């Protein structure tokens, strides 16, 4: 089991969450964990992309063409 976290929701979100949980028979915790997990994945992707862009602009990284990658991994015809 995971750690307990206290969260204050605005009233409108609380009402929506309550209704969703009742309609579907799932717990409010289930939906909160799902929503947080999905949002965290989006944020992690965003920050990774931003870091990659900064590395490219600073010359610490480079891009590769599809042809270069195919040659590198022996996939070229």
C-alpha atoms as a PDB file:
ATOM      1  CA  UNK A   1       0.000   0.000   0.000  1.00  0.00           C
ATOM      2  CA  UNK A   2       1.220   3.516  -0.742  1.00  0.00           C
ATOM      3  CA  UNK A   3       1.690   6.530   1.457  1.00  0.00           C
ATOM      4  CA  UNK A   4      -1.222   8.615   2.677  1.00  0.00           C
ATOM      5  CA  UNK A   5      -1.440  12.191   1.417  1.00  0.00           C
ATOM      6  CA  UNK A   6      -3.814  14.912   2.479  1.00  0.00           C
ATOM      7  CA  UNK A   7      -5.301  16.954  -0.343  1.00  0.00           C
ATOM      8  CA  UNK A   8      -7.715  19.884  -0.230  1.00  0.00           C
ATOM      9  CA  UNK A   9      -9.841  20.039  -3.337  1.00  0.00           C
ATOM     10  CA  UNK A  10     -11.869  23.009  -4.485  1.00  0.00           C
ATOM     11  CA  UNK A  11     -15.547  22.288  -3.887  1.00  0.00           C
ATOM     12  CA  UNK A  12     -16.362  21.950  -7.594  1.00  0.00           C
ATOM     13  CA  UNK A  13     -13.688  19.270  -8.070  1.00  0.00           C
ATOM     14  CA  UNK A  14     -14.831  17.447  -4.942  1.00  0.00           C
ATOM     15  CA  UNK A  15     -18.412  17.332  -6.227  1.00  0.00           C
ATOM     16  CA  UNK A  16     -17.305  16.104  -9.654  1.00  0.00           C
ATOM     17  CA  UNK A  17     -15.067  13.448  -8.104  1.00  0.00           C
ATOM     18  CA  UNK A  18     -17.842  12.275  -5.786  1.00  0.00           C
ATOM     19  CA  UNK A  19     -20.273  11.965  -8.708  1.00  0.00           C
ATOM     20  CA  UNK A  20     -17.772  10.098 -10.872  1.00  0.00           C
ATOM     21  CA  UNK A  21     -16.926   7.644  -8.088  1.00  0.00           C
ATOM     22  CA  UNK A  22     -20.606   6.966  -7.380  1.00  0.00           C
ATOM     23  CA  UNK A  23     -21.476   6.515 -11.082  1.00  0.00           C
ATOM     24  CA  UNK A  24     -18.655   4.100 -11.746  1.00  0.00           C
ATOM     25  CA  UNK A  25     -18.359   2.252  -8.445  1.00  0.00           C
ATOM     26  CA  UNK A  26     -14.688   3.116  -8.194  1.00  0.00           C
ATOM     27  CA  UNK A  27     -13.098   4.904  -5.270  1.00  0.00           C
ATOM     28  CA  UNK A  28     -12.219   8.573  -5.249  1.00  0.00           C
ATOM     29  CA  UNK A  29      -8.669   7.510  -4.418  1.00  0.00           C
ATOM     30  CA  UNK A  30      -8.531   5.480  -7.626  1.00  0.00           C
ATOM     31  CA  UNK A  31      -9.382   8.520  -9.729  1.00  0.00           C
ATOM     32  CA  UNK A  32      -7.031  10.825  -7.835  1.00  0.00           C
ATOM     33  CA  UNK A  33      -4.125   8.402  -8.309  1.00  0.00           C
ATOM     34  CA  UNK A  34      -4.985   7.976 -12.012  1.00  0.00           C
ATOM     35  CA  UNK A  35      -5.187  11.743 -12.573  1.00  0.00           C
ATOM     36  CA  UNK A  36      -1.944  12.461 -10.726  1.00  0.00           C
ATOM     37  CA  UNK A  37      -0.113   9.654 -12.504  1.00  0.00           C
ATOM     38  CA  UNK A  38      -1.226  10.845 -15.939  1.00  0.00           C
ATOM     39  CA  UNK A  39      -0.343  14.463 -15.205  1.00  0.00           C
ATOM     40  CA  UNK A  40       3.073  13.497 -13.805  1.00  0.00           C
ATOM     41  CA  UNK A  41       3.849  11.551 -16.976  1.00  0.00           C
ATOM     42  CA  UNK A  42       2.952  14.602 -19.057  1.00  0.00           C
ATOM     43  CA  UNK A  43       5.109  16.891 -16.887  1.00  0.00           C
ATOM     44  CA  UNK A  44       8.048  14.477 -16.944  1.00  0.00           C
ATOM     45  CA  UNK A  45       7.850  14.335 -20.745  1.00  0.00           C
ATOM     46  CA  UNK A  46       7.654  18.124 -20.944  1.00  0.00           C
ATOM     47  CA  UNK A  47      10.679  18.704 -18.717  1.00  0.00           C
ATOM     48  CA  UNK A  48      12.682  16.023 -20.537  1.00  0.00           C
ATOM     49  CA  UNK A  49      11.887  17.700 -23.872  1.00  0.00           C
ATOM     50  CA  UNK A  50      12.843  21.114 -22.492  1.00  0.00           C
ATOM     51  CA  UNK A  51      16.150  19.757 -21.160  1.00  0.00           C
ATOM     52  CA  UNK A  52      16.859  18.054 -24.494  1.00  0.00           C
ATOM     53  CA  UNK A  53      16.151  21.295 -26.358  1.00  0.00           C
ATOM     54  CA  UNK A  54      18.507  23.233 -24.081  1.00  0.00           C
ATOM     55  CA  UNK A  55      21.220  20.601 -24.599  1.00  0.00           C
ATOM     56  CA  UNK A  56      20.792  20.842 -28.369  1.00  0.00           C
ATOM     57  CA  UNK A  57      20.962  24.644 -28.340  1.00  0.00           C
ATOM     58  CA  UNK A  58      24.065  24.573 -26.124  1.00  0.00           C
ATOM     59  CA  UNK A  59      25.830  22.034 -28.344  1.00  0.00           C
ATOM     60  CA  UNK A  60      25.873  19.335 -25.639  1.00  0.00           C
ATOM     61  CA  UNK A  61      23.786  17.016 -27.777  1.00  0.00           C
ATOM     62  CA  UNK A  62      22.909  16.469 -31.417  1.00  0.00           C
ATOM     63  CA  UNK A  63      20.209  14.994 -33.579  1.00  0.00           C
ATOM     64  CA  UNK A  64      20.515  12.089 -35.983  1.00  0.00           C
ATOM     65  CA  UNK A  65      18.761  11.452 -39.276  1.00  0.00           C
ATOM     66  CA  UNK A  66      16.819   8.271 -39.845  1.00  0.00           C
ATOM     67  CA  UNK A  67      19.502   7.204 -42.329  1.00  0.00           C
ATOM     68  CA  UNK A  68      22.246   7.681 -39.717  1.00  0.00           C
ATOM     69  CA  UNK A  69      20.310   5.601 -37.197  1.00  0.00           C
ATOM     70  CA  UNK A  70      19.614   2.837 -39.701  1.00  0.00           C
ATOM     71  CA  UNK A  71      23.338   2.622 -40.530  1.00  0.00           C
ATOM     72  CA  UNK A  72      24.359   2.738 -36.880  1.00  0.00           C
ATOM     73  CA  UNK A  73      22.046  -0.143 -35.940  1.00  0.00           C
ATOM     74  CA  UNK A  74      22.506  -2.196 -39.106  1.00  0.00           C
ATOM     75  CA  UNK A  75      19.028  -1.553 -40.446  1.00  0.00           C
ATOM     76  CA  UNK A  76      20.077   0.056 -43.726  1.00  0.00           C
ATOM     77  CA  UNK A  77      19.158  -1.811 -46.919  1.00  0.00           C
END
